[in-house]
Amino acid sequence: MKYFIGVDQGGSKTEILIGDENGILIDKCTGSGYGVLLTELKDNSEFYNKYIEQQIRYLSNLLNNNSLVLSDVYALTACMATVNSVDIQVSLENDLRNRISVPNITIYHDMYGAWRAGTDKLPSGVMGVGTGTGILFFDENGTATNLTGNIKHQAALELGYRGFLHACFSAMKILEPTILTESICEFAQTSTIDEALMKTKNGQDINALSHQFFVPYIYDAVLQKDRVAEDFVNEVGSGLAECIRSGIKNLGWENREVSLVLSGGSFKGKGFVLEKVIKDHLRDLTKLTLFQAEYEPVYGALMLTYEKYNNGIIPQITDQDIVRLQLKRELL
């Protein structure tokens, strides 16, 4: 029996899904993402090794839980958030081949998985907003245009890091009190705001805290009509919308039906706050349809594995699988 693996290694979490050669889903595991390593490591080579080792460790645990070994795996596709160039893609593919006994390995930018799970329509695209932010558009040939470099405001930086610092300084100087100040110590796990701010060396150390986890506090503040939080979300959302608008114009897609999948940790939970801002700024693009991926990107990674290495057979997902493997997300 041949087994196929799909991996989604992102900033907030890592997921791995396994299926057999008949397209039957076997099991899934979920663990912490690479973002947690950023708070512990400063040296790139050390981080790189930990990044790979984490994925292999999760994979080994998943196989062991199902009485399987690495040699049982025929093909693996990993959609990883750190893949933003061909050089990195090739390096990761070769490194994984050297470390595990899997004959067929393909690495993609993590949003390929989100796109594949969300839609098979072309032209289409995917916007992933998690630890960082990325936007990819796909044409009729499946060729991706990466708009990520045109994004002015990364979610973790603007909503998390800057929002946290602004709330800290506002609370200390009492210049502009904000609901966010009530969340600072809870987030930083300190007893005072001064101690929370010192964790980042007064804003000099961006890796001192996992600031993407401050984003939910921003959303809560927006829902309570906090002006500071609203400004941050509007800034990020309008920037993303403008990048999408420019991409559609540059590709000559203004008069074409375009489907855009919204995916990533910042759209979960109360992420409809950011989603609404983006939709409002793009409301005039009547041929653009925005929706959220119904399945986690890990399912898209598994689909890519099957399509490339199993004669195009894709996983046969049932309602029971959706519940058991917790693949389905609520559409907002």
C-alpha atoms as a PDB file:
ATOM      1  CA  MET A   1       0.000   0.000   0.000  1.00  0.00           C
ATOM      2  CA  LYS A   2       1.314   3.435  -0.956  1.00  0.00           C
ATOM      3  CA  TYR A   3       0.709   6.345   1.400  1.00  0.00           C
ATOM      4  CA  PHE A   4       0.581  10.043   0.567  1.00  0.00           C
ATOM      5  CA  ILE A   5       1.371  12.974   2.848  1.00  0.00           C
ATOM      6  CA  GLY A   6       0.277  16.604   2.786  1.00  0.00           C
ATOM      7  CA  VAL A   7       1.999  19.150   5.034  1.00  0.00           C
ATOM      8  CA  ASP A   8       1.019  22.712   5.867  1.00  0.00           C
ATOM      9  CA  GLN A   9       3.830  24.300   7.862  1.00  0.00           C
ATOM     10  CA  GLY A  10       2.848  27.822   8.760  1.00  0.00           C
ATOM     11  CA  GLY A  11       3.720  30.385  11.380  1.00  0.00           C
ATOM     12  CA  SER A  12       1.029  29.670  13.950  1.00  0.00           C
ATOM     13  CA  LYS A  13       0.736  25.923  13.458  1.00  0.00           C
ATOM     14  CA  THR A  14       1.888  22.884  11.500  1.00  0.00           C
ATOM     15  CA  GLU A  15      -0.522  20.247  10.166  1.00  0.00           C
ATOM     16  CA  ILE A  16       0.139  16.937   8.465  1.00  0.00           C
ATOM     17  CA  LEU A  17      -2.453  14.732   6.770  1.00  0.00           C
ATOM     18  CA  ILE A  18      -1.972  11.185   5.476  1.00  0.00           C
ATOM     19  CA  GLY A  19      -4.023   9.136   3.009  1.00  0.00           C
ATOM     20  CA  ASP A  20      -3.639   5.780   1.242  1.00  0.00           C
ATOM     21  CA  GLU A  21      -3.389   5.024  -2.485  1.00  0.00           C
ATOM     22  CA  ASN A  22      -7.183   4.697  -2.736  1.00  0.00           C
ATOM     23  CA  GLY A  23      -7.701   8.254  -1.561  1.00  0.00           C
ATOM     24  CA  ILE A  24      -8.923   7.261   1.897  1.00  0.00           C
ATOM     25  CA  LEU A  25      -7.888   9.706   4.621  1.00  0.00           C
ATOM     26  CA  ILE A  26      -6.059   7.951   7.450  1.00  0.00           C
ATOM     27  CA  ASP A  27      -5.108  10.500  10.095  1.00  0.00           C
ATOM     28  CA  LYS A  28      -4.040  14.052  10.835  1.00  0.00           C
ATOM     29  CA  CYS A  29      -1.784  15.731  13.366  1.00  0.00           C
ATOM     30  CA  THR A  30      -1.520  19.351  14.436  1.00  0.00           C
ATOM     31  CA  GLY A  31       1.362  21.016  16.264  1.00  0.00           C
ATOM     32  CA  SER A  32       2.911  24.419  16.807  1.00  0.00           C
ATOM     33  CA  GLY A  33       4.227  26.318  13.790  1.00  0.00           C
ATOM     34  CA  TYR A  34       7.630  27.708  12.975  1.00  0.00           C
ATOM     35  CA  GLY A  35       6.698  31.107  14.438  1.00  0.00           C
ATOM     36  CA  VAL A  36       7.400  29.837  17.951  1.00  0.00           C
ATOM     37  CA  LEU A  37      10.998  29.203  16.931  1.00  0.00           C
ATOM     38  CA  LEU A  38      11.522  32.846  16.028  1.00  0.00           C
ATOM     39  CA  THR A  39      11.240  33.812  19.677  1.00  0.00           C
ATOM     40  CA  GLU A  40      13.971  31.336  20.623  1.00  0.00           C
ATOM     41  CA  LEU A  41      16.476  31.473  17.770  1.00  0.00           C
ATOM     42  CA  LYS A  42      18.526  34.271  16.258  1.00  0.00           C
ATOM     43  CA  ASP A  43      20.859  32.338  13.971  1.00  0.00           C
ATOM     44  CA  ASN A  44      19.349  31.459  10.586  1.00  0.00           C
ATOM     45  CA  SER A  45      21.105  28.104  10.207  1.00  0.00           C
ATOM     46  CA  GLU A  46      19.935  27.001  13.642  1.00  0.00           C
ATOM     47  CA  PHE A  47      16.398  28.080  12.837  1.00  0.00           C
ATOM     48  CA  TYR A  48      16.503  26.298   9.482  1.00  0.00           C
ATOM     49  CA  ASN A  49      17.534  23.011  11.105  1.00  0.00           C
ATOM     50  CA  LYS A  50      14.881  23.314  13.800  1.00  0.00           C
ATOM     51  CA  TYR A  51      12.299  24.111  11.130  1.00  0.00           C
ATOM     52  CA  ILE A  52      13.069  20.905   9.220  1.00  0.00           C
ATOM     53  CA  GLU A  53      13.464  18.796  12.352  1.00  0.00           C
ATOM     54  CA  GLN A  54      10.083  19.931  13.658  1.00  0.00           C
ATOM     55  CA  GLN A  55       8.345  18.777  10.480  1.00  0.00           C
ATOM     56  CA  ILE A  56      10.133  15.403  10.477  1.00  0.00           C
ATOM     57  CA  ARG A  57       9.314  14.872  14.147  1.00  0.00           C
ATOM     58  CA  TYR A  58       5.601  15.522  13.611  1.00  0.00           C
ATOM     59  CA  LEU A  59       5.615  13.258  10.560  1.00  0.00           C
ATOM     60  CA  SER A  60       7.327  10.425  12.452  1.00  0.00           C
ATOM     61  CA  ASN A  61       4.852  10.701  15.321  1.00  0.00           C
ATOM     62  CA  LEU A  62       1.892  10.579  12.940  1.00  0.00           C
ATOM     63  CA  LEU A  63       3.259   7.485  11.191  1.00  0.00           C
ATOM     64  CA  ASN A  64       4.055   5.753  14.487  1.00  0.00           C
ATOM     65  CA  ASN A  65       0.522   6.350  15.706  1.00  0.00           C
ATOM     66  CA  ASN A  66      -0.733   4.466  12.649  1.00  0.00           C
ATOM     67  CA  SER A  67       1.872   1.648  12.766  1.00  0.00           C
ATOM     68  CA  LEU A  68       3.602   2.989   9.645  1.00  0.00           C
ATOM     69  CA  VAL A  69       7.193   3.927   8.845  1.00  0.00           C
ATOM     70  CA  LEU A  70       8.742   6.485   6.491  1.00  0.00           C
ATOM     71  CA  SER A  71       9.438   3.848   3.843  1.00  0.00           C
ATOM     72  CA  ASP A  72       5.656   3.366   3.540  1.00  0.00           C
ATOM     73  CA  VAL A  73       5.284   6.944   2.273  1.00  0.00           C
ATOM     74  CA  TYR A  74       5.402   7.153  -1.515  1.00  0.00           C
ATOM     75  CA  ALA A  75       5.027  10.912  -1.935  1.00  0.00           C
ATOM     76  CA  LEU A  76       4.946  14.051   0.186  1.00  0.00           C
ATOM     77  CA  THR A  77       3.939  17.605  -0.655  1.00  0.00           C
ATOM     78  CA  ALA A  78       4.722  20.359   1.822  1.00  0.00           C
ATOM     79  CA  CYS A  79       3.283  23.852   1.560  1.00  0.00           C
ATOM     80  CA  MET A  80       5.576  25.954   3.726  1.00  0.00           C
ATOM     81  CA  ALA A  81       5.379  29.620   4.660  1.00  0.00           C
ATOM     82  CA  THR A  82       9.122  30.196   4.317  1.00  0.00           C
ATOM     83  CA  VAL A  83       9.194  29.280   0.610  1.00  0.00           C
ATOM     84  CA  ASN A  84       9.375  32.592  -1.218  1.00  0.00           C
ATOM     85  CA  SER A  85      11.940  31.763  -3.905  1.00  0.00           C
ATOM     86  CA  VAL A  86      12.935  28.896  -6.192  1.00  0.00           C
ATOM     87  CA  ASP A  87      16.281  28.591  -4.393  1.00  0.00           C
ATOM     88  CA  ILE A  88      14.607  28.026  -1.029  1.00  0.00           C
ATOM     89  CA  GLN A  89      12.156  25.571  -2.590  1.00  0.00           C
ATOM     90  CA  VAL A  90      14.936  23.471  -4.136  1.00  0.00           C
ATOM     91  CA  SER A  91      17.020  23.609  -0.963  1.00  0.00           C
ATOM     92  CA  LEU A  92      14.129  22.361   1.187  1.00  0.00           C
ATOM     93  CA  GLU A  93      13.254  19.589  -1.286  1.00  0.00           C
ATOM     94  CA  ASN A  94      16.840  18.341  -1.374  1.00  0.00           C
ATOM     95  CA  ASP A  95      17.248  18.593   2.381  1.00  0.00           C
ATOM     96  CA  LEU A  96      14.094  16.602   3.057  1.00  0.00           C
ATOM     97  CA  ARG A  97      15.168  13.931   0.541  1.00  0.00           C
ATOM     98  CA  ASN A  98      18.478  13.589   2.367  1.00  0.00           C
ATOM     99  CA  ARG A  99      16.815  13.227   5.751  1.00  0.00           C
ATOM    100  CA  ILE A 100      13.804  10.988   5.075  1.00  0.00           C
ATOM    101  CA  SER A 101      13.252   7.917   2.891  1.00  0.00           C
ATOM    102  CA  VAL A 102      10.421   9.328   0.762  1.00  0.00           C
ATOM    103  CA  PRO A 103      11.069   9.029  -3.007  1.00  0.00           C
ATOM    104  CA  ASN A 104       8.795  11.839  -4.214  1.00  0.00           C
ATOM    105  CA  ILE A 105       8.910  15.215  -2.478  1.00  0.00           C
ATOM    106  CA  THR A 106       7.563  18.547  -3.702  1.00  0.00           C
ATOM    107  CA  ILE A 107       7.673  21.868  -1.861  1.00  0.00           C
ATOM    108  CA  TYR A 108       5.398  24.828  -2.588  1.00  0.00           C
ATOM    109  CA  HIS A 109       4.730  28.263  -1.168  1.00  0.00           C
ATOM    110  CA  ASP A 110       2.202  27.605   1.603  1.00  0.00           C
ATOM    111  CA  MET A 111      -0.603  29.399  -0.221  1.00  0.00           C
ATOM    112  CA  TYR A 112      -0.603  26.868  -3.036  1.00  0.00           C
ATOM    113  CA  GLY A 113      -2.252  24.511  -0.567  1.00  0.00           C
ATOM    114  CA  ALA A 114      -4.775  27.137   0.485  1.00  0.00           C
ATOM    115  CA  TRP A 115      -5.625  27.861  -3.154  1.00  0.00           C
ATOM    116  CA  ARG A 116      -6.028  24.186  -4.047  1.00  0.00           C
ATOM    117  CA  ALA A 117      -8.236  23.539  -1.051  1.00  0.00           C
ATOM    118  CA  GLY A 118     -10.325  26.614  -1.695  1.00  0.00           C
ATOM    119  CA  THR A 119     -11.067  26.504  -5.416  1.00  0.00           C
ATOM    120  CA  ASP A 120     -10.092  24.893  -8.682  1.00  0.00           C
ATOM    121  CA  LYS A 121     -11.398  27.832 -10.696  1.00  0.00           C
ATOM    122  CA  LEU A 122      -9.076  29.852 -12.929  1.00  0.00           C
ATOM    123  CA  PRO A 123      -8.303  32.702 -12.957  1.00  0.00           C
ATOM    124  CA  SER A 124      -8.293  32.760  -9.182  1.00  0.00           C
ATOM    125  CA  GLY A 125      -6.116  33.617  -6.254  1.00  0.00           C
ATOM    126  CA  VAL A 126      -5.464  33.192  -2.584  1.00  0.00           C
ATOM    127  CA  MET A 127      -4.681  35.653   0.139  1.00  0.00           C
ATOM    128  CA  GLY A 128      -3.098  34.139   3.211  1.00  0.00           C
ATOM    129  CA  VAL A 129      -2.940  36.272   6.332  1.00  0.00           C
ATOM    130  CA  GLY A 130      -1.257  34.564   9.239  1.00  0.00           C
ATOM    131  CA  THR A 131       2.116  35.351  10.761  1.00  0.00           C
ATOM    132  CA  GLY A 132       2.933  37.209   7.544  1.00  0.00           C
ATOM    133  CA  THR A 133       0.860  38.036   4.513  1.00  0.00           C
ATOM    134  CA  GLY A 134       0.884  36.816   0.939  1.00  0.00           C
ATOM    135  CA  ILE A 135      -1.226  37.155  -2.196  1.00  0.00           C
ATOM    136  CA  LEU A 136      -0.962  34.848  -5.211  1.00  0.00           C
ATOM    137  CA  PHE A 137      -3.021  34.930  -8.433  1.00  0.00           C
ATOM    138  CA  PHE A 138      -3.297  31.935 -10.768  1.00  0.00           C
ATOM    139  CA  ASP A 139      -3.991  32.172 -14.506  1.00  0.00           C
ATOM    140  CA  GLU A 140      -5.545  29.582 -16.856  1.00  0.00           C
ATOM    141  CA  ASN A 141      -2.315  27.584 -16.942  1.00  0.00           C
ATOM    142  CA  GLY A 142      -2.019  27.454 -13.177  1.00  0.00           C
ATOM    143  CA  THR A 143       0.941  29.825 -13.288  1.00  0.00           C
ATOM    144  CA  ALA A 144       1.175  31.919 -10.132  1.00  0.00           C
ATOM    145  CA  THR A 145       1.793  35.666  -9.970  1.00  0.00           C
ATOM    146  CA  ASN A 146       3.145  36.566  -6.542  1.00  0.00           C
ATOM    147  CA  LEU A 147       1.981  39.968  -5.295  1.00  0.00           C
ATOM    148  CA  THR A 148       3.445  39.571  -1.833  1.00  0.00           C
ATOM    149  CA  GLY A 149       6.253  42.054  -2.420  1.00  0.00           C
ATOM    150  CA  ASN A 150       3.692  44.786  -3.140  1.00  0.00           C
ATOM    151  CA  ILE A 151       1.987  44.539   0.259  1.00  0.00           C
ATOM    152  CA  LYS A 152       2.773  47.524   2.451  1.00  0.00           C
ATOM    153  CA  HIS A 153       1.534  46.188   5.772  1.00  0.00           C
ATOM    154  CA  GLN A 154       2.231  42.689   7.077  1.00  0.00           C
ATOM    155  CA  ALA A 155      -0.478  41.499   9.473  1.00  0.00           C
ATOM    156  CA  ALA A 156       1.768  40.298  12.305  1.00  0.00           C
ATOM    157  CA  LEU A 157       3.762  43.530  12.172  1.00  0.00           C
ATOM    158  CA  GLU A 158       0.899  45.992  11.846  1.00  0.00           C
ATOM    159  CA  LEU A 159      -1.867  44.307  13.821  1.00  0.00           C
ATOM    160  CA  GLY A 160       0.359  42.516  16.304  1.00  0.00           C
ATOM    161  CA  TYR A 161       3.707  44.206  16.849  1.00  0.00           C
ATOM    162  CA  ARG A 162       2.775  47.837  16.179  1.00  0.00           C
ATOM    163  CA  GLY A 163      -0.596  47.448  17.874  1.00  0.00           C
ATOM    164  CA  PHE A 164       1.087  46.033  20.966  1.00  0.00           C
ATOM    165  CA  LEU A 165       3.708  48.784  21.121  1.00  0.00           C
ATOM    166  CA  HIS A 166       1.164  51.544  20.546  1.00  0.00           C
ATOM    167  CA  ALA A 167      -1.018  50.186  23.342  1.00  0.00           C
ATOM    168  CA  CYS A 168       2.020  49.988  25.653  1.00  0.00           C
ATOM    169  CA  PHE A 169       3.188  53.546  25.011  1.00  0.00           C
ATOM    170  CA  SER A 170      -0.353  54.914  25.170  1.00  0.00           C
ATOM    171  CA  ALA A 171      -0.891  53.305  28.546  1.00  0.00           C
ATOM    172  CA  MET A 172       2.458  54.504  29.920  1.00  0.00           C
ATOM    173  CA  LYS A 173       2.187  58.087  28.672  1.00  0.00           C
ATOM    174  CA  ILE A 174      -1.584  58.249  29.168  1.00  0.00           C
ATOM    175  CA  LEU A 175      -1.740  60.111  25.875  1.00  0.00           C
ATOM    176  CA  GLU A 176      -4.429  58.051  24.222  1.00  0.00           C
ATOM    177  CA  PRO A 177      -6.045  55.470  26.492  1.00  0.00           C
ATOM    178  CA  THR A 178      -7.221  52.412  24.593  1.00  0.00           C
ATOM    179  CA  ILE A 179      -9.093  49.227  25.377  1.00  0.00           C
ATOM    180  CA  LEU A 180      -5.983  47.377  24.225  1.00  0.00           C
ATOM    181  CA  THR A 181      -4.078  48.478  27.315  1.00  0.00           C
ATOM    182  CA  GLU A 182      -6.207  46.112  29.368  1.00  0.00           C
ATOM    183  CA  SER A 183      -4.901  43.197  27.308  1.00  0.00           C
ATOM    184  CA  ILE A 184      -1.181  43.986  27.354  1.00  0.00           C
ATOM    185  CA  CYS A 185      -0.161  42.231  30.562  1.00  0.00           C
ATOM    186  CA  GLU A 186      -2.366  39.237  29.840  1.00  0.00           C
ATOM    187  CA  PHE A 187      -0.713  38.812  26.454  1.00  0.00           C
ATOM    188  CA  ALA A 188       2.868  39.433  27.615  1.00  0.00           C
ATOM    189  CA  GLN A 189       2.352  37.458  30.839  1.00  0.00           C
ATOM    190  CA  THR A 190       3.713  40.246  32.996  1.00  0.00           C
ATOM    191  CA  SER A 191       2.366  42.095  36.017  1.00  0.00           C
ATOM    192  CA  THR A 192       3.001  45.598  34.673  1.00  0.00           C
ATOM    193  CA  ILE A 193       2.994  47.341  31.300  1.00  0.00           C
ATOM    194  CA  ASP A 194       6.594  48.453  31.878  1.00  0.00           C
ATOM    195  CA  GLU A 195       7.662  44.803  32.122  1.00  0.00           C
ATOM    196  CA  ALA A 196       5.677  43.929  29.006  1.00  0.00           C
ATOM    197  CA  LEU A 197       7.395  46.671  27.039  1.00  0.00           C
ATOM    198  CA  MET A 198      10.810  45.630  28.320  1.00  0.00           C
ATOM    199  CA  LYS A 199      10.253  42.187  26.809  1.00  0.00           C
ATOM    200  CA  THR A 200      10.704  43.843  23.441  1.00  0.00           C
ATOM    201  CA  LYS A 201      13.550  46.093  24.663  1.00  0.00           C
ATOM    202  CA  ASN A 202      11.311  49.107  24.162  1.00  0.00           C
ATOM    203  CA  GLY A 203      10.342  47.983  20.678  1.00  0.00           C
ATOM    204  CA  GLN A 204      13.812  47.077  19.424  1.00  0.00           C
ATOM    205  CA  ASP A 205      13.349  43.288  19.528  1.00  0.00           C
ATOM    206  CA  ILE A 206      10.501  42.191  17.263  1.00  0.00           C
ATOM    207  CA  ASN A 207      11.131  38.500  17.996  1.00  0.00           C
ATOM    208  CA  ALA A 208      10.731  38.844  21.747  1.00  0.00           C
ATOM    209  CA  LEU A 209       7.033  37.928  21.627  1.00  0.00           C
ATOM    210  CA  SER A 210       4.867  36.020  19.156  1.00  0.00           C
ATOM    211  CA  HIS A 211       2.998  39.137  18.155  1.00  0.00           C
ATOM    212  CA  GLN A 212       0.618  37.343  15.813  1.00  0.00           C
ATOM    213  CA  PHE A 213      -1.098  36.149  18.978  1.00  0.00           C
ATOM    214  CA  PHE A 214      -1.872  39.756  19.905  1.00  0.00           C
ATOM    215  CA  VAL A 215      -4.075  40.063  16.816  1.00  0.00           C
ATOM    216  CA  PRO A 216      -7.218  38.626  18.529  1.00  0.00           C
ATOM    217  CA  TYR A 217      -6.957  41.396  21.132  1.00  0.00           C
ATOM    218  CA  ILE A 218      -6.983  43.949  18.304  1.00  0.00           C
ATOM    219  CA  TYR A 219     -10.151  42.403  16.900  1.00  0.00           C
ATOM    220  CA  ASP A 220     -11.838  42.414  20.316  1.00  0.00           C
ATOM    221  CA  ALA A 221     -11.010  46.094  20.701  1.00  0.00           C
ATOM    222  CA  VAL A 222     -12.448  46.879  17.255  1.00  0.00           C
ATOM    223  CA  LEU A 223     -15.717  45.196  18.226  1.00  0.00           C
ATOM    224  CA  GLN A 224     -15.772  47.486  21.260  1.00  0.00           C
ATOM    225  CA  LYS A 225     -15.364  50.520  18.961  1.00  0.00           C
ATOM    226  CA  ASP A 226     -11.810  51.292  20.035  1.00  0.00           C
ATOM    227  CA  ARG A 227     -10.527  53.915  17.601  1.00  0.00           C
ATOM    228  CA  VAL A 228      -6.848  52.946  17.808  1.00  0.00           C
ATOM    229  CA  ALA A 229      -7.591  49.313  16.976  1.00  0.00           C
ATOM    230  CA  GLU A 230      -9.951  50.360  14.176  1.00  0.00           C
ATOM    231  CA  ASP A 231      -7.190  52.465  12.640  1.00  0.00           C
ATOM    232  CA  PHE A 232      -4.776  49.518  12.614  1.00  0.00           C
ATOM    233  CA  VAL A 233      -7.278  47.140  11.016  1.00  0.00           C
ATOM    234  CA  ASN A 234      -8.382  49.702   8.440  1.00  0.00           C
ATOM    235  CA  GLU A 235      -4.767  50.416   7.515  1.00  0.00           C
ATOM    236  CA  VAL A 236      -3.971  46.736   6.993  1.00  0.00           C
ATOM    237  CA  GLY A 237      -7.254  45.887   5.265  1.00  0.00           C
ATOM    238  CA  SER A 238      -7.153  48.827   2.863  1.00  0.00           C
ATOM    239  CA  GLY A 239      -3.524  48.028   1.990  1.00  0.00           C
ATOM    240  CA  LEU A 240      -4.386  44.420   1.170  1.00  0.00           C
ATOM    241  CA  ALA A 241      -7.373  45.532  -0.908  1.00  0.00           C
ATOM    242  CA  GLU A 242      -5.254  47.998  -2.868  1.00  0.00           C
ATOM    243  CA  CYS A 243      -2.683  45.293  -3.604  1.00  0.00           C
ATOM    244  CA  ILE A 244      -5.445  42.988  -4.891  1.00  0.00           C
ATOM    245  CA  ARG A 245      -6.947  45.779  -6.989  1.00  0.00           C
ATOM    246  CA  SER A 246      -3.576  46.648  -8.534  1.00  0.00           C
ATOM    247  CA  GLY A 247      -2.863  42.980  -9.268  1.00  0.00           C
ATOM    248  CA  ILE A 248      -6.168  42.523 -11.091  1.00  0.00           C
ATOM    249  CA  LYS A 249      -5.525  45.658 -13.142  1.00  0.00           C
ATOM    250  CA  ASN A 250      -1.959  44.697 -14.047  1.00  0.00           C
ATOM    251  CA  LEU A 251      -3.100  41.245 -15.171  1.00  0.00           C
ATOM    252  CA  GLY A 252      -5.903  42.734 -17.270  1.00  0.00           C
ATOM    253  CA  TRP A 253      -8.590  40.895 -15.313  1.00  0.00           C
ATOM    254  CA  GLU A 254     -10.926  43.856 -14.661  1.00  0.00           C
ATOM    255  CA  ASN A 255     -13.719  42.373 -16.790  1.00  0.00           C
ATOM    256  CA  ARG A 256     -13.174  38.728 -15.856  1.00  0.00           C
ATOM    257  CA  GLU A 257     -14.657  36.556 -13.148  1.00  0.00           C
ATOM    258  CA  VAL A 258     -12.011  36.159 -10.438  1.00  0.00           C
ATOM    259  CA  SER A 259     -12.295  34.007  -7.309  1.00  0.00           C
ATOM    260  CA  LEU A 260     -10.130  34.929  -4.317  1.00  0.00           C
ATOM    261  CA  VAL A 261      -9.721  32.574  -1.372  1.00  0.00           C
ATOM    262  CA  LEU A 262      -9.143  34.131   2.043  1.00  0.00           C
ATOM    263  CA  SER A 263      -7.016  31.876   4.192  1.00  0.00           C
ATOM    264  CA  GLY A 264      -4.781  32.023   7.243  1.00  0.00           C
ATOM    265  CA  GLY A 265      -4.920  32.467  10.982  1.00  0.00           C
ATOM    266  CA  SER A 266      -5.940  36.128  10.881  1.00  0.00           C
ATOM    267  CA  PHE A 267      -9.261  35.180   9.268  1.00  0.00           C
ATOM    268  CA  LYS A 268     -10.185  32.664  11.955  1.00  0.00           C
ATOM    269  CA  GLY A 269     -12.222  33.387  15.040  1.00  0.00           C
ATOM    270  CA  LYS A 270     -13.064  37.069  14.924  1.00  0.00           C
ATOM    271  CA  GLY A 271     -11.111  37.518  11.705  1.00  0.00           C
ATOM    272  CA  PHE A 272     -14.332  38.598  10.011  1.00  0.00           C
ATOM    273  CA  VAL A 273     -13.333  42.048  11.286  1.00  0.00           C
ATOM    274  CA  LEU A 274     -10.455  42.188   8.785  1.00  0.00           C
ATOM    275  CA  GLU A 275     -12.459  40.345   6.137  1.00  0.00           C
ATOM    276  CA  LYS A 276     -15.193  42.992   6.235  1.00  0.00           C
ATOM    277  CA  VAL A 277     -12.705  45.830   5.719  1.00  0.00           C
ATOM    278  CA  ILE A 278     -11.226  44.092   2.673  1.00  0.00           C
ATOM    279  CA  LYS A 279     -14.653  43.411   1.171  1.00  0.00           C
ATOM    280  CA  ASP A 280     -15.763  47.001   1.725  1.00  0.00           C
ATOM    281  CA  HIS A 281     -12.718  48.355  -0.107  1.00  0.00           C
ATOM    282  CA  LEU A 282     -13.278  45.993  -3.054  1.00  0.00           C
ATOM    283  CA  ARG A 283     -17.051  46.266  -3.268  1.00  0.00           C
ATOM    284  CA  ASP A 284     -16.932  47.991  -6.645  1.00  0.00           C
ATOM    285  CA  LEU A 285     -15.167  45.007  -8.264  1.00  0.00           C
ATOM    286  CA  THR A 286     -18.404  43.222  -9.091  1.00  0.00           C
ATOM    287  CA  LYS A 287     -16.696  40.322 -10.887  1.00  0.00           C
ATOM    288  CA  LEU A 288     -14.495  39.509  -7.885  1.00  0.00           C
ATOM    289  CA  THR A 289     -15.791  36.826  -5.509  1.00  0.00           C
ATOM    290  CA  LEU A 290     -14.205  36.580  -2.065  1.00  0.00           C
ATOM    291  CA  PHE A 291     -14.688  33.502   0.085  1.00  0.00           C
ATOM    292  CA  GLN A 292     -12.874  31.508   2.710  1.00  0.00           C
ATOM    293  CA  ALA A 293     -11.280  28.126   2.102  1.00  0.00           C
ATOM    294  CA  GLU A 294     -13.706  25.449   3.220  1.00  0.00           C
ATOM    295  CA  TYR A 295     -10.850  23.163   4.166  1.00  0.00           C
ATOM    296  CA  GLU A 296      -7.529  23.791   5.824  1.00  0.00           C
ATOM    297  CA  PRO A 297      -4.562  24.291   3.456  1.00  0.00           C
ATOM    298  CA  VAL A 298      -3.181  20.933   4.610  1.00  0.00           C
ATOM    299  CA  TYR A 299      -5.961  19.295   2.601  1.00  0.00           C
ATOM    300  CA  GLY A 300      -4.857  21.306  -0.434  1.00  0.00           C
ATOM    301  CA  ALA A 301      -1.295  20.058   0.079  1.00  0.00           C
ATOM    302  CA  LEU A 302      -2.565  16.479   0.130  1.00  0.00           C
ATOM    303  CA  MET A 303      -4.613  17.066  -3.025  1.00  0.00           C
ATOM    304  CA  LEU A 304      -1.480  18.351  -4.789  1.00  0.00           C
ATOM    305  CA  THR A 305       0.359  15.187  -3.743  1.00  0.00           C
ATOM    306  CA  TYR A 306      -2.291  12.898  -5.183  1.00  0.00           C
ATOM    307  CA  GLU A 307      -2.627  14.875  -8.399  1.00  0.00           C
ATOM    308  CA  LYS A 308       1.105  14.776  -9.092  1.00  0.00           C
ATOM    309  CA  TYR A 309       2.022  11.291  -7.910  1.00  0.00           C
ATOM    310  CA  ASN A 310      -1.131   9.156  -8.005  1.00  0.00           C
ATOM    311  CA  ASN A 311      -2.421   9.566 -11.572  1.00  0.00           C
ATOM    312  CA  GLY A 312      -4.600  12.499 -10.637  1.00  0.00           C
ATOM    313  CA  ILE A 313      -6.653  10.607  -8.048  1.00  0.00           C
ATOM    314  CA  ILE A 314      -7.664  12.980  -5.276  1.00  0.00           C
ATOM    315  CA  PRO A 315      -8.679  12.125  -1.690  1.00  0.00           C
ATOM    316  CA  GLN A 316     -12.222  10.898  -1.230  1.00  0.00           C
ATOM    317  CA  ILE A 317     -13.433  13.012   1.643  1.00  0.00           C
ATOM    318  CA  THR A 318     -16.667  12.184   3.446  1.00  0.00           C
ATOM    319  CA  ASP A 319     -18.676  14.030   6.079  1.00  0.00           C
ATOM    320  CA  GLN A 320     -17.331  11.578   8.641  1.00  0.00           C
ATOM    321  CA  ASP A 321     -13.755  12.431   7.645  1.00  0.00           C
ATOM    322  CA  ILE A 322     -14.470  16.135   7.936  1.00  0.00           C
ATOM    323  CA  VAL A 323     -15.653  15.750  11.501  1.00  0.00           C
ATOM    324  CA  ARG A 324     -13.012  13.208  12.528  1.00  0.00           C
ATOM    325  CA  LEU A 325     -10.076  15.115  11.078  1.00  0.00           C
ATOM    326  CA  GLN A 326     -11.518  18.571  11.816  1.00  0.00           C
ATOM    327  CA  LEU A 327     -10.833  19.722   8.277  1.00  0.00           C
ATOM    328  CA  LYS A 328     -13.923  21.792   7.713  1.00  0.00           C
ATOM    329  CA  ARG A 329     -14.007  25.420   8.687  1.00  0.00           C
ATOM    330  CA  GLU A 330     -17.072  27.548   9.226  1.00  0.00           C
ATOM    331  CA  LEU A 331     -17.575  29.946   6.349  1.00  0.00           C
ATOM    332  CA  LEU A 332     -18.143  33.492   7.598  1.00  0.00           C
END
